[in-house]
């Protein structure tokens, strides 16, 4: 299983970014996929998840600002991030659990005030 995250970058507060996670080595449509993030000096935390049927869940801190979606044909999951805040600055990781956790390499998101 391999996960490739992309789409991070630098943006001013209030701006938007769209992250992508491309998966390979698995029957993608069978699994839920999540996004997590880790800020400097902090533990990795849950951001959002999309189930195999398309159901979604979000951390309270991003609810109403972030939207997770998936395209099973492209084996990809996306995280649309709007109204970004400086506290959203972190490395963002996509995750799949298949007997164990699989993580992508992470993509840096920096939001300046």
PDB file of N, CA and C in Angstrom:
ATOM      1  N   UNK A   1       0.851  -1.188   0.000  1.00  0.00           N
ATOM      2  CA  UNK A   1       0.000   0.000   0.000  1.00  0.00           C
ATOM      3  C   UNK A   1       0.887   1.237   0.000  1.00  0.00           C
ATOM      4  N   UNK A   2       0.596   2.149  -0.931  1.00  0.00           N
ATOM      5  CA  UNK A   2       1.318   3.424  -0.966  1.00  0.00           C
ATOM      6  C   UNK A   2       0.324   4.569  -1.066  1.00  0.00           C
ATOM      7  N   UNK A   3       0.602   5.627  -0.314  1.00  0.00           N
ATOM      8  CA  UNK A   3      -0.217   6.823  -0.322  1.00  0.00           C
ATOM      9  C   UNK A   3       0.670   8.014  -0.641  1.00  0.00           C
ATOM     10  N   UNK A   4       0.260   8.823  -1.605  1.00  0.00           N
ATOM     11  CA  UNK A   4       1.046   9.978  -2.034  1.00  0.00           C
ATOM     12  C   UNK A   4       0.205  11.236  -1.848  1.00  0.00           C
ATOM     13  N   UNK A   5       0.595  12.040  -0.858  1.00  0.00           N
ATOM     14  CA  UNK A   5      -0.117  13.287  -0.588  1.00  0.00           C
ATOM     15  C   UNK A   5       0.539  14.436  -1.339  1.00  0.00           C
ATOM     16  N   UNK A   6      -0.276  15.379  -1.782  1.00  0.00           N
ATOM     17  CA  UNK A   6       0.241  16.554  -2.487  1.00  0.00           C
ATOM     18  C   UNK A   6      -0.733  17.708  -2.321  1.00  0.00           C
ATOM     19  N   UNK A   7      -0.292  18.893  -2.757  1.00  0.00           N
ATOM     20  CA  UNK A   7      -1.179  20.042  -2.763  1.00  0.00           C
ATOM     21  C   UNK A   7      -0.937  21.056  -1.657  1.00  0.00           C
ATOM     22  N   UNK A   8      -0.014  20.768  -0.774  1.00  0.00           N
ATOM     23  CA  UNK A   8       0.276  21.715   0.290  1.00  0.00           C
ATOM     24  C   UNK A   8       0.979  22.944  -0.251  1.00  0.00           C
ATOM     25  N   UNK A   9       1.153  23.934   0.632  1.00  0.00           N
ATOM     26  CA  UNK A   9       1.831  25.153   0.227  1.00  0.00           C
ATOM     27  C   UNK A   9       1.638  26.233   1.262  1.00  0.00           C
ATOM     28  N   UNK A  10       1.925  27.450   0.831  1.00  0.00           N
ATOM     29  CA  UNK A  10       1.809  28.619   1.695  1.00  0.00           C
ATOM     30  C   UNK A  10       0.602  29.427   1.257  1.00  0.00           C
ATOM     31  N   UNK A  11      -0.165  29.895   2.240  1.00  0.00           N
ATOM     32  CA  UNK A  11      -1.340  30.691   1.925  1.00  0.00           C
ATOM     33  C   UNK A  11      -1.585  31.667   3.056  1.00  0.00           C
ATOM     34  N   UNK A  12      -2.181  32.789   2.739  1.00  0.00           N
ATOM     35  CA  UNK A  12      -2.532  33.748   3.783  1.00  0.00           C
ATOM     36  C   UNK A  12      -3.826  33.319   4.475  1.00  0.00           C
ATOM     37  N   UNK A  13      -3.996  33.766   5.696  1.00  0.00           N
ATOM     38  CA  UNK A  13      -5.209  33.455   6.455  1.00  0.00           C
ATOM     39  C   UNK A  13      -6.444  33.864   5.649  1.00  0.00           C
ATOM     40  N   UNK A  14      -7.440  32.982   5.663  1.00  0.00           N
ATOM     41  CA  UNK A  14      -8.648  33.209   4.880  1.00  0.00           C
ATOM     42  C   UNK A  14      -8.614  32.566   3.510  1.00  0.00           C
ATOM     43  N   UNK A  15      -7.435  32.101   3.113  1.00  0.00           N
ATOM     44  CA  UNK A  15      -7.282  31.482   1.802  1.00  0.00           C
ATOM     45  C   UNK A  15      -7.692  30.022   1.784  1.00  0.00           C
ATOM     46  N   UNK A  16      -7.460  29.391   0.624  1.00  0.00           N
ATOM     47  CA  UNK A  16      -7.871  28.009   0.415  1.00  0.00           C
ATOM     48  C   UNK A  16      -6.733  27.188  -0.185  1.00  0.00           C
ATOM     49  N   UNK A  17      -6.759  25.911   0.116  1.00  0.00           N
ATOM     50  CA  UNK A  17      -5.874  24.932  -0.510  1.00  0.00           C
ATOM     51  C   UNK A  17      -6.657  23.644  -0.699  1.00  0.00           C
ATOM     52  N   UNK A  18      -6.242  22.859  -1.682  1.00  0.00           N
ATOM     53  CA  UNK A  18      -6.856  21.550  -1.899  1.00  0.00           C
ATOM     54  C   UNK A  18      -5.764  20.496  -1.882  1.00  0.00           C
ATOM     55  N   UNK A  19      -5.854  19.604  -0.930  1.00  0.00           N
ATOM     56  CA  UNK A  19      -4.905  18.504  -0.830  1.00  0.00           C
ATOM     57  C   UNK A  19      -5.436  17.284  -1.565  1.00  0.00           C
ATOM     58  N   UNK A  20      -4.513  16.504  -2.114  1.00  0.00           N
ATOM     59  CA  UNK A  20      -4.860  15.254  -2.787  1.00  0.00           C
ATOM     60  C   UNK A  20      -4.068  14.111  -2.179  1.00  0.00           C
ATOM     61  N   UNK A  21      -4.660  12.938  -2.180  1.00  0.00           N
ATOM     62  CA  UNK A  21      -3.979  11.735  -1.719  1.00  0.00           C
ATOM     63  C   UNK A  21      -4.263  10.646  -2.741  1.00  0.00           C
ATOM     64  N   UNK A  22      -3.223  10.200  -3.432  1.00  0.00           N
ATOM     65  CA  UNK A  22      -3.354   9.146  -4.431  1.00  0.00           C
ATOM     66  C   UNK A  22      -2.889   7.821  -3.840  1.00  0.00           C
ATOM     67  N   UNK A  23      -3.712   6.792  -3.963  1.00  0.00           N
ATOM     68  CA  UNK A  23      -3.410   5.497  -3.366  1.00  0.00           C
ATOM     69  C   UNK A  23      -3.091   4.458  -4.432  1.00  0.00           C
ATOM     70  N   UNK A  24      -2.272   3.492  -4.053  1.00  0.00           N
ATOM     71  CA  UNK A  24      -1.977   2.359  -4.924  1.00  0.00           C
ATOM     72  C   UNK A  24      -1.726   1.140  -4.056  1.00  0.00           C
ATOM     73  N   UNK A  25      -1.872  -0.040  -4.664  1.00  0.00           N
ATOM     74  CA  UNK A  25      -1.586  -1.275  -3.948  1.00  0.00           C
ATOM     75  C   UNK A  25      -2.718  -1.776  -3.071  1.00  0.00           C
ATOM     76  N   UNK A  26      -3.920  -1.263  -3.297  1.00  0.00           N
ATOM     77  CA  UNK A  26      -5.067  -1.719  -2.521  1.00  0.00           C
ATOM     78  C   UNK A  26      -6.331  -1.564  -3.360  1.00  0.00           C
ATOM     79  N   UNK A  27      -7.378  -2.303  -2.944  1.00  0.00           N
ATOM     80  CA  UNK A  27      -8.688  -2.125  -3.571  1.00  0.00           C
ATOM     81  C   UNK A  27      -9.319  -0.918  -2.895  1.00  0.00           C
ATOM     82  N   UNK A  28      -9.065   0.231  -3.471  1.00  0.00           N
ATOM     83  CA  UNK A  28      -9.298   1.518  -2.818  1.00  0.00           C
ATOM     84  C   UNK A  28     -10.727   1.689  -2.330  1.00  0.00           C
ATOM     85  N   UNK A  29     -11.681   1.269  -3.151  1.00  0.00           N
ATOM     86  CA  UNK A  29     -13.087   1.519  -2.833  1.00  0.00           C
ATOM     87  C   UNK A  29     -13.558   0.785  -1.580  1.00  0.00           C
ATOM     88  N   UNK A  30     -12.794  -0.159  -1.092  1.00  0.00           N
ATOM     89  CA  UNK A  30     -13.203  -0.944   0.066  1.00  0.00           C
ATOM     90  C   UNK A  30     -12.889  -0.286   1.406  1.00  0.00           C
ATOM     91  N   UNK A  31     -12.115   0.803   1.377  1.00  0.00           N
ATOM     92  CA  UNK A  31     -11.583   1.313   2.634  1.00  0.00           C
ATOM     93  C   UNK A  31     -11.908   2.779   2.889  1.00  0.00           C
ATOM     94  N   UNK A  32     -12.083   3.074   4.190  1.00  0.00           N
ATOM     95  CA  UNK A  32     -12.155   4.462   4.600  1.00  0.00           C
ATOM     96  C   UNK A  32     -10.772   5.088   4.505  1.00  0.00           C
ATOM     97  N   UNK A  33     -10.730   6.380   4.261  1.00  0.00           N
ATOM     98  CA  UNK A  33      -9.465   7.114   4.175  1.00  0.00           C
ATOM     99  C   UNK A  33      -9.574   8.350   5.056  1.00  0.00           C
ATOM    100  N   UNK A  34      -8.511   8.633   5.768  1.00  0.00           N
ATOM    101  CA  UNK A  34      -8.524   9.786   6.655  1.00  0.00           C
ATOM    102  C   UNK A  34      -7.400  10.756   6.375  1.00  0.00           C
ATOM    103  N   UNK A  35      -7.596  11.979   6.858  1.00  0.00           N
ATOM    104  CA  UNK A  35      -6.535  12.993   6.871  1.00  0.00           C
ATOM    105  C   UNK A  35      -6.216  13.309   8.338  1.00  0.00           C
ATOM    106  N   UNK A  36      -4.939  13.407   8.615  1.00  0.00           N
ATOM    107  CA  UNK A  36      -4.446  13.796   9.924  1.00  0.00           C
ATOM    108  C   UNK A  36      -3.451  14.923   9.719  1.00  0.00           C
ATOM    109  N   UNK A  37      -3.113  15.605  10.798  1.00  0.00           N
ATOM    110  CA  UNK A  37      -2.102  16.659  10.691  1.00  0.00           C
ATOM    111  C   UNK A  37      -1.265  16.684  11.963  1.00  0.00           C
ATOM    112  N   UNK A  38      -0.049  17.208  11.793  1.00  0.00           N
ATOM    113  CA  UNK A  38       0.859  17.327  12.919  1.00  0.00           C
ATOM    114  C   UNK A  38       1.578  18.661  12.839  1.00  0.00           C
ATOM    115  N   UNK A  39       1.329  19.488  13.834  1.00  0.00           N
ATOM    116  CA  UNK A  39       1.998  20.776  13.935  1.00  0.00           C
ATOM    117  C   UNK A  39       3.293  20.609  14.732  1.00  0.00           C
ATOM    118  N   UNK A  40       4.251  21.524  14.565  1.00  0.00           N
ATOM    119  CA  UNK A  40       5.523  21.411  15.294  1.00  0.00           C
ATOM    120  C   UNK A  40       5.304  21.340  16.799  1.00  0.00           C
ATOM    121  N   UNK A  41       5.912  20.345  17.421  1.00  0.00           N
ATOM    122  CA  UNK A  41       5.824  20.202  18.862  1.00  0.00           C
ATOM    123  C   UNK A  41       4.521  19.625  19.370  1.00  0.00           C
ATOM    124  N   UNK A  42       3.656  19.209  18.465  1.00  0.00           N
ATOM    125  CA  UNK A  42       2.359  18.664  18.869  1.00  0.00           C
ATOM    126  C   UNK A  42       2.189  17.246  18.339  1.00  0.00           C
ATOM    127  N   UNK A  43       1.227  16.547  18.927  1.00  0.00           N
ATOM    128  CA  UNK A  43       0.951  15.193  18.465  1.00  0.00           C
ATOM    129  C   UNK A  43       0.113  15.235  17.185  1.00  0.00           C
ATOM    130  N   UNK A  44       0.195  14.153  16.436  1.00  0.00           N
ATOM    131  CA  UNK A  44      -0.622  14.036  15.234  1.00  0.00           C
ATOM    132  C   UNK A  44      -2.090  13.966  15.649  1.00  0.00           C
ATOM    133  N   UNK A  45      -2.946  14.687  14.916  1.00  0.00           N
ATOM    134  CA  UNK A  45      -4.357  14.724  15.270  1.00  0.00           C
ATOM    135  C   UNK A  45      -5.238  14.451  14.055  1.00  0.00           C
ATOM    136  N   UNK A  46      -6.415  13.929  14.352  1.00  0.00           N
ATOM    137  CA  UNK A  46      -7.400  13.629  13.320  1.00  0.00           C
ATOM    138  C   UNK A  46      -7.961  14.919  12.731  1.00  0.00           C
ATOM    139  N   UNK A  47      -8.160  14.917  11.401  1.00  0.00           N
ATOM    140  CA  UNK A  47      -8.762  16.058  10.725  1.00  0.00           C
ATOM    141  C   UNK A  47     -10.113  15.680  10.113  1.00  0.00           C
ATOM    142  N   UNK A  48     -10.120  14.629   9.289  1.00  0.00           N
ATOM    143  CA  UNK A  48     -11.344  14.248   8.595  1.00  0.00           C
ATOM    144  C   UNK A  48     -11.207  12.815   8.106  1.00  0.00           C
ATOM    145  N   UNK A  49     -12.367  12.193   7.864  1.00  0.00           N
ATOM    146  CA  UNK A  49     -12.381  10.842   7.343  1.00  0.00           C
ATOM    147  C   UNK A  49     -13.563  10.692   6.399  1.00  0.00           C
ATOM    148  N   UNK A  50     -13.372   9.857   5.371  1.00  0.00           N
ATOM    149  CA  UNK A  50     -14.465   9.510   4.475  1.00  0.00           C
ATOM    150  C   UNK A  50     -14.556   7.992   4.407  1.00  0.00           C
ATOM    151  N   UNK A  51     -15.751   7.470   4.621  1.00  0.00           N
ATOM    152  CA  UNK A  51     -15.944   6.025   4.607  1.00  0.00           C
ATOM    153  C   UNK A  51     -15.997   5.519   3.166  1.00  0.00           C
ATOM    154  N   UNK A  52     -16.012   4.217   3.018  1.00  0.00           N
ATOM    155  CA  UNK A  52     -16.055   3.645   1.671  1.00  0.00           C
ATOM    156  C   UNK A  52     -17.372   3.973   0.971  1.00  0.00           C
ATOM    157  N   UNK A  53     -18.421   4.247   1.738  1.00  0.00           N
ATOM    158  CA  UNK A  53     -19.705   4.604   1.145  1.00  0.00           C
ATOM    159  C   UNK A  53     -19.871   6.113   0.976  1.00  0.00           C
ATOM    160  N   UNK A  54     -18.865   6.891   1.409  1.00  0.00           N
ATOM    161  CA  UNK A  54     -18.912   8.342   1.228  1.00  0.00           C
ATOM    162  C   UNK A  54     -19.343   9.125   2.450  1.00  0.00           C
ATOM    163  N   UNK A  55     -19.623   8.446   3.559  1.00  0.00           N
ATOM    164  CA  UNK A  55     -19.933   9.156   4.784  1.00  0.00           C
ATOM    165  C   UNK A  55     -18.712   9.891   5.310  1.00  0.00           C
ATOM    166  N   UNK A  56     -18.912  11.055   5.898  1.00  0.00           N
ATOM    167  CA  UNK A  56     -17.788  11.880   6.326  1.00  0.00           C
ATOM    168  C   UNK A  56     -17.874  12.224   7.808  1.00  0.00           C
ATOM    169  N   UNK A  57     -16.720  12.475   8.382  1.00  0.00           N
ATOM    170  CA  UNK A  57     -16.655  12.986   9.749  1.00  0.00           C
ATOM    171  C   UNK A  57     -15.480  13.949   9.825  1.00  0.00           C
ATOM    172  N   UNK A  58     -15.587  14.927  10.736  1.00  0.00           N
ATOM    173  CA  UNK A  58     -14.589  15.985  10.832  1.00  0.00           C
ATOM    174  C   UNK A  58     -14.260  16.289  12.282  1.00  0.00           C
ATOM    175  N   UNK A  59     -13.040  16.749  12.491  1.00  0.00           N
ATOM    176  CA  UNK A  59     -12.696  17.309  13.787  1.00  0.00           C
ATOM    177  C   UNK A  59     -13.477  18.605  13.977  1.00  0.00           C
ATOM    178  N   UNK A  60     -13.821  18.901  15.219  1.00  0.00           N
ATOM    179  CA  UNK A  60     -14.588  20.120  15.488  1.00  0.00           C
ATOM    180  C   UNK A  60     -13.858  21.370  14.987  1.00  0.00           C
ATOM    181  N   UNK A  61     -12.536  21.340  15.047  1.00  0.00           N
ATOM    182  CA  UNK A  61     -11.747  22.521  14.700  1.00  0.00           C
ATOM    183  C   UNK A  61     -11.814  22.865  13.210  1.00  0.00           C
ATOM    184  N   UNK A  62     -12.225  21.915  12.372  1.00  0.00           N
ATOM    185  CA  UNK A  62     -12.261  22.181  10.923  1.00  0.00           C
ATOM    186  C   UNK A  62     -13.664  22.083  10.348  1.00  0.00           C
ATOM    187  N   UNK A  63     -14.631  21.692  11.167  1.00  0.00           N
ATOM    188  CA  UNK A  63     -15.991  21.508  10.684  1.00  0.00           C
ATOM    189  C   UNK A  63     -16.521  22.819  10.100  1.00  0.00           C
ATOM    190  N   UNK A  64     -17.123  22.724   8.910  1.00  0.00           N
ATOM    191  CA  UNK A  64     -17.648  23.907   8.244  1.00  0.00           C
ATOM    192  C   UNK A  64     -16.638  24.628   7.370  1.00  0.00           C
ATOM    193  N   UNK A  65     -15.356  24.279   7.493  1.00  0.00           N
ATOM    194  CA  UNK A  65     -14.309  24.920   6.686  1.00  0.00           C
ATOM    195  C   UNK A  65     -13.642  23.942   5.731  1.00  0.00           C
ATOM    196  N   UNK A  66     -13.530  22.688   6.138  1.00  0.00           N
ATOM    197  CA  UNK A  66     -12.867  21.660   5.324  1.00  0.00           C
ATOM    198  C   UNK A  66     -13.905  20.694   4.776  1.00  0.00           C
ATOM    199  N   UNK A  67     -13.633  20.176   3.571  1.00  0.00           N
ATOM    200  CA  UNK A  67     -14.512  19.186   2.964  1.00  0.00           C
ATOM    201  C   UNK A  67     -13.673  18.046   2.394  1.00  0.00           C
ATOM    202  N   UNK A  68     -13.973  16.834   2.829  1.00  0.00           N
ATOM    203  CA  UNK A  68     -13.270  15.663   2.320  1.00  0.00           C
ATOM    204  C   UNK A  68     -14.141  14.990   1.263  1.00  0.00           C
ATOM    205  N   UNK A  69     -13.497  14.478   0.214  1.00  0.00           N
ATOM    206  CA  UNK A  69     -14.224  13.787  -0.846  1.00  0.00           C
ATOM    207  C   UNK A  69     -13.334  12.706  -1.428  1.00  0.00           C
ATOM    208  N   UNK A  70     -13.911  11.819  -2.219  1.00  0.00           N
ATOM    209  CA  UNK A  70     -13.126  10.749  -2.823  1.00  0.00           C
ATOM    210  C   UNK A  70     -13.591  10.474  -4.241  1.00  0.00           C
ATOM    211  N   UNK A  71     -12.654   9.960  -5.037  1.00  0.00           N
ATOM    212  CA  UNK A  71     -12.924   9.528  -6.404  1.00  0.00           C
ATOM    213  C   UNK A  71     -12.357   8.125  -6.522  1.00  0.00           C
ATOM    214  N   UNK A  72     -13.212   7.129  -6.401  1.00  0.00           N
ATOM    215  CA  UNK A  72     -12.728   5.744  -6.406  1.00  0.00           C
ATOM    216  C   UNK A  72     -12.097   5.352  -7.733  1.00  0.00           C
ATOM    217  N   UNK A  73     -12.584   5.914  -8.823  1.00  0.00           N
ATOM    218  CA  UNK A  73     -12.009   5.595 -10.136  1.00  0.00           C
ATOM    219  C   UNK A  73     -10.559   6.051 -10.228  1.00  0.00           C
ATOM    220  N   UNK A  74     -10.246   7.150  -9.557  1.00  0.00           N
ATOM    221  CA  UNK A  74      -8.874   7.673  -9.567  1.00  0.00           C
ATOM    222  C   UNK A  74      -8.091   7.234  -8.338  1.00  0.00           C
ATOM    223  N   UNK A  75      -8.733   6.433  -7.476  1.00  0.00           N
ATOM    224  CA  UNK A  75      -8.080   5.993  -6.240  1.00  0.00           C
ATOM    225  C   UNK A  75      -7.511   7.178  -5.468  1.00  0.00           C
ATOM    226  N   UNK A  76      -8.308   8.183  -5.328  1.00  0.00           N
ATOM    227  CA  UNK A  76      -7.841   9.420  -4.706  1.00  0.00           C
ATOM    228  C   UNK A  76      -8.851   9.969  -3.713  1.00  0.00           C
ATOM    229  N   UNK A  77      -8.316  10.644  -2.714  1.00  0.00           N
ATOM    230  CA  UNK A  77      -9.111  11.375  -1.737  1.00  0.00           C
ATOM    231  C   UNK A  77      -8.622  12.812  -1.710  1.00  0.00           C
ATOM    232  N   UNK A  78      -9.543  13.744  -1.493  1.00  0.00           N
ATOM    233  CA  UNK A  78      -9.210  15.158  -1.527  1.00  0.00           C
ATOM    234  C   UNK A  78      -9.641  15.826  -0.218  1.00  0.00           C
ATOM    235  N   UNK A  79      -8.940  16.874   0.129  1.00  0.00           N
ATOM    236  CA  UNK A  79      -9.324  17.683   1.277  1.00  0.00           C
ATOM    237  C   UNK A  79      -9.338  19.135   0.834  1.00  0.00           C
ATOM    238  N   UNK A  80     -10.524  19.674   0.652  1.00  0.00           N
ATOM    239  CA  UNK A  80     -10.681  21.083   0.316  1.00  0.00           C
ATOM    240  C   UNK A  80     -10.678  21.876   1.610  1.00  0.00           C
ATOM    241  N   UNK A  81      -9.736  22.792   1.720  1.00  0.00           N
ATOM    242  CA  UNK A  81      -9.567  23.565   2.950  1.00  0.00           C
ATOM    243  C   UNK A  81      -9.831  25.036   2.650  1.00  0.00           C
ATOM    244  N   UNK A  82     -10.881  25.562   3.215  1.00  0.00           N
ATOM    245  CA  UNK A  82     -11.260  26.959   3.028  1.00  0.00           C
ATOM    246  C   UNK A  82     -11.165  27.718   4.340  1.00  0.00           C
ATOM    247  N   UNK A  83     -11.173  29.036   4.248  1.00  0.00           N
ATOM    248  CA  UNK A  83     -11.103  29.896   5.442  1.00  0.00           C
ATOM    249  C   UNK A  83      -9.971  29.453   6.361  1.00  0.00           C
ATOM    250  N   UNK A  84      -8.824  29.239   5.777  1.00  0.00           N
ATOM    251  CA  UNK A  84      -7.681  28.730   6.547  1.00  0.00           C
ATOM    252  C   UNK A  84      -7.232  29.713   7.611  1.00  0.00           C
ATOM    253  N   UNK A  85      -6.774  29.149   8.722  1.00  0.00           N
ATOM    254  CA  UNK A  85      -6.307  29.935   9.863  1.00  0.00           C
ATOM    255  C   UNK A  85      -4.850  29.580  10.153  1.00  0.00           C
ATOM    256  N   UNK A  86      -4.113  30.471  10.795  1.00  0.00           N
ATOM    257  CA  UNK A  86      -2.719  30.143  11.144  1.00  0.00           C
ATOM    258  C   UNK A  86      -2.603  28.845  11.942  1.00  0.00           C
ATOM    259  N   UNK A  87      -3.579  28.540  12.762  1.00  0.00           N
ATOM    260  CA  UNK A  87      -3.524  27.306  13.554  1.00  0.00           C
ATOM    261  C   UNK A  87      -3.737  26.044  12.717  1.00  0.00           C
ATOM    262  N   UNK A  88      -4.052  26.197  11.438  1.00  0.00           N
ATOM    263  CA  UNK A  88      -4.121  25.044  10.539  1.00  0.00           C
ATOM    264  C   UNK A  88      -2.742  24.654  10.008  1.00  0.00           C
ATOM    265  N   UNK A  89      -1.734  25.464  10.294  1.00  0.00           N
ATOM    266  CA  UNK A  89      -0.380  25.172   9.845  1.00  0.00           C
ATOM    267  C   UNK A  89       0.088  23.843  10.425  1.00  0.00           C
ATOM    268  N   UNK A  90       0.505  22.933   9.549  1.00  0.00           N
ATOM    269  CA  UNK A  90       0.915  21.591   9.973  1.00  0.00           C
ATOM    270  C   UNK A  90       1.354  20.807   8.741  1.00  0.00           C
ATOM    271  N   UNK A  91       1.921  19.642   8.997  1.00  0.00           N
ATOM    272  CA  UNK A  91       2.117  18.660   7.938  1.00  0.00           C
ATOM    273  C   UNK A  91       0.866  17.778   7.921  1.00  0.00           C
ATOM    274  N   UNK A  92       0.289  17.629   6.749  1.00  0.00           N
ATOM    275  CA  UNK A  92      -0.949  16.871   6.590  1.00  0.00           C
ATOM    276  C   UNK A  92      -0.633  15.505   5.986  1.00  0.00           C
ATOM    277  N   UNK A  93      -1.212  14.466   6.590  1.00  0.00           N
ATOM    278  CA  UNK A  93      -0.977  13.084   6.176  1.00  0.00           C
ATOM    279  C   UNK A  93      -2.294  12.403   5.840  1.00  0.00           C
ATOM    280  N   UNK A  94      -2.297  11.596   4.786  1.00  0.00           N
ATOM    281  CA  UNK A  94      -3.456  10.747   4.547  1.00  0.00           C
ATOM    282  C   UNK A  94      -3.177   9.364   5.132  1.00  0.00           C
ATOM    283  N   UNK A  95      -4.246   8.670   5.450  1.00  0.00           N
ATOM    284  CA  UNK A  95      -4.133   7.428   6.219  1.00  0.00           C
ATOM    285  C   UNK A  95      -5.184   6.421   5.792  1.00  0.00           C
ATOM    286  N   UNK A  96      -4.745   5.167   5.707  1.00  0.00           N
ATOM    287  CA  UNK A  96      -5.666   4.048   5.509  1.00  0.00           C
ATOM    288  C   UNK A  96      -5.309   2.985   6.546  1.00  0.00           C
ATOM    289  N   UNK A  97      -6.323   2.383   7.142  1.00  0.00           N
ATOM    290  CA  UNK A  97      -6.079   1.303   8.091  1.00  0.00           C
ATOM    291  C   UNK A  97      -6.504  -0.017   7.449  1.00  0.00           C
ATOM    292  N   UNK A  98      -5.515  -0.879   7.208  1.00  0.00           N
ATOM    293  CA  UNK A  98      -5.768  -2.233   6.700  1.00  0.00           C
ATOM    294  C   UNK A  98      -4.918  -3.153   7.550  1.00  0.00           C
ATOM    295  N   UNK A  99      -5.488  -3.671   8.599  1.00  0.00           N
ATOM    296  CA  UNK A  99      -4.752  -4.466   9.598  1.00  0.00           C
ATOM    297  C   UNK A  99      -3.760  -3.622  10.387  1.00  0.00           C
ATOM    298  N   UNK A 100      -3.230  -2.608   9.757  1.00  0.00           N
ATOM    299  CA  UNK A 100      -2.375  -1.632  10.447  1.00  0.00           C
ATOM    300  C   UNK A 100      -2.513  -0.296   9.711  1.00  0.00           C
ATOM    301  N   UNK A 101      -1.952   0.744  10.318  1.00  0.00           N
ATOM    302  CA  UNK A 101      -1.999   2.065   9.703  1.00  0.00           C
ATOM    303  C   UNK A 101      -0.982   2.181   8.567  1.00  0.00           C
ATOM    304  N   UNK A 102      -1.442   2.751   7.461  1.00  0.00           N
ATOM    305  CA  UNK A 102      -0.558   3.157   6.374  1.00  0.00           C
ATOM    306  C   UNK A 102      -0.647   4.676   6.249  1.00  0.00           C
ATOM    307  N   UNK A 103       0.519   5.307   6.100  1.00  0.00           N
ATOM    308  CA  UNK A 103       0.588   6.762   6.041  1.00  0.00           C
ATOM    309  C   UNK A 103       1.260   7.214   4.758  1.00  0.00           C
ATOM    310  N   UNK A 104       0.777   8.330   4.216  1.00  0.00           N
ATOM    311  CA  UNK A 104       1.486   8.980   3.137  1.00  0.00           C
ATOM    312  C   UNK A 104       2.668   9.752   3.707  1.00  0.00           C
ATOM    313  N   UNK A 105       3.440  10.375   2.831  1.00  0.00           N
ATOM    314  CA  UNK A 105       4.666  11.050   3.259  1.00  0.00           C
ATOM    315  C   UNK A 105       4.409  12.418   3.872  1.00  0.00           C
ATOM    316  N   UNK A 106       3.213  12.938   3.747  1.00  0.00           N
ATOM    317  CA  UNK A 106       2.904  14.235   4.328  1.00  0.00           C
ATOM    318  C   UNK A 106       3.134  15.378   3.363  1.00  0.00           C
ATOM    319  N   UNK A 107       2.321  16.411   3.495  1.00  0.00           N
ATOM    320  CA  UNK A 107       2.479  17.626   2.695  1.00  0.00           C
ATOM    321  C   UNK A 107       2.318  18.826   3.629  1.00  0.00           C
ATOM    322  N   UNK A 108       3.223  19.779   3.506  1.00  0.00           N
ATOM    323  CA  UNK A 108       3.260  20.909   4.429  1.00  0.00           C
ATOM    324  C   UNK A 108       2.241  21.968   4.030  1.00  0.00           C
ATOM    325  N   UNK A 109       1.469  22.413   5.013  1.00  0.00           N
ATOM    326  CA  UNK A 109       0.546  23.528   4.834  1.00  0.00           C
ATOM    327  C   UNK A 109       0.966  24.626   5.808  1.00  0.00           C
ATOM    328  N   UNK A 110       1.216  25.814   5.278  1.00  0.00           N
ATOM    329  CA  UNK A 110       1.605  26.953   6.102  1.00  0.00           C
ATOM    330  C   UNK A 110       0.628  28.090   5.853  1.00  0.00           C
ATOM    331  N   UNK A 111      -0.011  28.563   6.931  1.00  0.00           N
ATOM    332  CA  UNK A 111      -0.978  29.643   6.835  1.00  0.00           C
ATOM    333  C   UNK A 111      -0.427  30.833   7.613  1.00  0.00           C
ATOM    334  N   UNK A 112      -0.229  31.943   6.925  1.00  0.00           N
ATOM    335  CA  UNK A 112       0.334  33.120   7.583  1.00  0.00           C
ATOM    336  C   UNK A 112      -0.786  34.081   7.959  1.00  0.00           C
ATOM    337  N   UNK A 113      -0.558  34.800   9.036  1.00  0.00           N
ATOM    338  CA  UNK A 113      -1.576  35.746   9.528  1.00  0.00           C
ATOM    339  C   UNK A 113      -1.412  37.105   8.872  1.00  0.00           C
TER     340      UNK A 113
END
